[in-house]
Structure formats: C-alpha cells, structure tokens
Amino acid sequence: MAVSASRKSSKNARKNLTLSHYSPKLSIYLLAICVILLVIFEIKSLHAQRPSLPWNFMHQWQTAINSSMMTSQECTQELKTMALKLQSSVTFLPLKDLRYSSTAQQGHTWFMSSMHDTHKEGEVQYQKFPSKASKGRLLCLKGNDTHDGSWNSYALAWPQTLPENATLLKGLTFVSYNHYNYDNIWHGLSAMVPFVAWHIKNQCAVPTRWILYHWGELRTKMGPWLTTLMEATYGEALIIEKFDGIKEGNDQIPACFEEAVVMRHNEGGMSREKRIEVYDLLRCKARAYCNVSLEGRVAEVNEKGVPVIGMTMFMRIGTRSFKNDRIVIGIFNKACRKVEGCRLLVAYSNNLTFCEQVKLMSSTDILISPHGAQLTNMFFMDRNSSVMEFFPKGWLKLAGVGQYVYHWIASWSGMVHQGAWRDPDGDQCQYPDDDRRCMAIFKGGKIGYNESFFSKWAGNVLNEVKIRKAEEMVSKKNTTGISSACGCI
C-alpha cells in the first residue's frame, strides 16, 4: 500500500512538472523565438540569393554598352567616310566663264558665273562667304595666272571638308573683279566704292587682305593714287594676295578664306544716296590722312570778309590736252579777276602726289579740266562745288556712254557738273565723222578754245558760285554743333 501510494505521488509530481513547462507565458516566448529564427533564416536566404539577380542585369547592361560602342565606332567611321567624299567632291570651276564673253558686264558677269549676288534695292551688290546664300560654305580659290583668267578657278566648301591640302586663310578677305584695271584712278575707284559701302554698313569692318582680278586674271597691285586712298580709308597698309607662297612644289594648292566678300559689279545697283555717303567718307578720310582741314571752303575769306572762290585749272599733257594752254589760262584768269574773292590756280595732274591733289581740290570751288582720269579728284572738293569739262572733236558721236563718267561721279559725290564744251574742230578723218573708225583718231585729239564762249560760261558759273558761297557763309554762321569727324572711325 505504501509502495502504491508512493508511485501515485511520483506520477502526480511528474504530471505537475509537465504542466508547468506548457504554461501560456512560455508558449509566447517559444513562438517569438521561432519567428525570430525564421526571419534570420529568410534574411540569410536573401543574402545568399542576391548576387544572382544583379548578375543577370549587369550582364545585359555590359552587352548593351558593347553594342553601343560598336555602333559609335561604326558611326564615326561612317562620318569620316562621308567627310572624305565631301572633300573629294569639291569642284573647282574657272573664274572666267567664256560662255558669257559676249555679255561679260551684264547680269552675274562671267566672273564666278555660277553664283548670284546678294542685293537689296539701292544697296551694293555683293557675295558673302560663309552666308545663308552660300549654305554656310567658304570660298576657295586656286591659281595665280596673270594672263588668262580661265586658268584660275574657284569652289565652295564646308569648313569641315576643305579641299585636300587647302590652306585656310584667317580674317576678312576682299575679292575684287574689275572690268578695266587698277592703275587708272577712275576705273580703280569704281571697283573700290562698293567695298567702302560694305565697310560702312558692317561696323567699319577692315579686310585682312585684298585679292584683285581683272577679267579673271590676278593683279598684284593697285596704282599709287588708289593704294593711298584705300590706306587712308581703312587706316592701314594694304596686303594684296599674290598666292605665290601657297604652292606644293610647282603645283598651286587651294586657298580657302575664313570670311570673304566678293564685288564684281563696281558701283552698279547703288542709289545716289549710298554713293554720296561713300564719297563723303572717302573725302573726309583723305583730308584727314593729308592733314587738310575738315571744316570746308566756307571757312576761307579774304581781307574784306568776302568768301574766297577757288578756281582751279587742272591741266593735262599729251592726249586731250589744250592746244594752247597759255591762251586758255588767260581767258579764265580774266574772268576770275572780274569777281571779288576769286583766286585762280593752275596745276598739272601728272606731277602731283596724292596729298597734293587732295589739298588742291580742297581749296577748289570750280574745277576746269579736260576729260580724263584726273577729273576723278573732284570728290575731294566740298559738296556743291562746280565742274567744267572739255572734249576734243568727235567724242559726242563716237565715245559711247564712257564720255559721261564725270557727269556721273559729279552727281554721285554731290558736285554740280556745269556742262561740257566739245571742240567742233580737230584732226580730219578719212571716213565720215560718225564712222566708228574715226574714234582711233579723235580719242587722242587735242582741245582748242572759243574765247567768247569760255568767258561767258566762266562768268555764269562764277556768279552762281559766288551767290551760293555767300548763302552758305550765312547759314554756317547760324549753325552750331557741326561735327568735323569722319562718319566711319
């Protein structure tokens, strides 16, 4: 019985011990531990699997990069190939297009015949490179032939694809085409006027170099008068390109220009107002260069306070000179003495420097001279000054429009052309006087005189100038703030 009771008691004790281990509080602890262990396991599992996902992604990214690099390399090679094709496709054309030889001075001329000018009404006609008109392309030139312009050529090329071995010349280049030449001061000036107009319109831009062509043939210099005028206008010595240093052995290689302006119509298309603006600047710059007062003739009076009238006879020797200078000078001297304040000067155009001509013209109100290049100097006079012109026999019928050039320049520079006297007498021609073959004789003829006509003509012009100068003197005295500076500095 005792044993049985003892076993029963031991069994109850184990039962009580087991029940104490499965208490509600312990269950919660155990549950929490299980959850924590599960979380730790999952975290380790995630850490163990993480490299596998990025590896796939990185592999794909590297493949894309490699593919892109291959595409870029192929693209670069393709661009190089295209550039080489563009470079080799630059085509040089003759500067002198013989197809237009019969109409060389019309339309777009035979110089660079494939190109058209940029032109707004009343403005200068020009070509600009690079520009919208050139589609951003530069001008390239090749050749320096001085005898046949068809051996000199031009082309257009994009800056990135210049012709092979081409030399790129930096700065602004002025390219001039002239129907005539750069030694005759009238013909040369006509070619330069449009550049001065462009210079004024474009913030007084100054060229780095000049390139001169005559019928497509290269010219390497201007006459001394024209050279000095351009140096006075632009304020620096001229650099005229010869292309003699741009060679490879004996072969001429292309020269391309960072910026270029081409003129080939001289003053054609410009309005009178634009021309007057140009000649005003040329006059002012030349006077400043030669240390001549910019105040003008109104400032000069005699001891009585009467405005001085400067009458200048600008004589020639040789062709188109007066047959008897002494008599003609005497006629105008007599007319001058009849007008108070008149002062006569006699000069010969062949022995004066540029500045001597500028000074002479700046003291002139009435210019008396035979037809000839020396009359070009008239624009150095004050505006509204007068010009009297003389011709040998035969010019009216046979000389064509060229005989009117000094009428034109008088108008364009603000002068008054007082007409022309044409000698009815002269050398005889074996053909009728209206036969063009007679011009070979009349062209170099000399000029006679008509005393009564010259005296009356001079008197009328002197009286007109006297009245004008008196009016200008009063007007100037009542005017303040007159600027003596040139328009483009």
Foldseek 3Di string as FASTA:
>chain_A
DVVVVVVVVVVVVVVVVVVVCPDPVNVVVVVVVVVVVVVVVVVVVCVVCVVVVVVVVVVVVVVVVVVVVVVVVVVVVVVVVVLQVQQVPWDKAQQAAVVCVVPQQDAPHRGVVVAHWDDDFQAATKDKPPDVRLVNWWKKKWDQAQPDLRVIIITTGHPSRHHPPEAEDEWEEEEWEFQPAQAQPLRVLLRCLNVLLVCLVPQNGDTPAYWYHHSNHTDQDGHQLSQVLVCLLNVHHHHYDRQPVQADVPGIHMYTYPIYMYHYNRCPRHDLVSLQLSLLQSLLSLCVVLVHFLPAQLVDDDPVRARAAEEEEAAEPFFAGAPDVVVLVVLLVVLQVVDPRYDYYYYYPPPDHNSRLLNSLRNHQEYEYEDGSSLLSNLNYDAAREYEYEFEPLCVQAVPPVSCVSVVSCSSNRYHYLDYYYANDWDDDPDPSNDNVCCVVRVRIYGYDDSVVSSVSSNVSVVVVSVVSVVVSVVVVPDPDDDSHRPRD
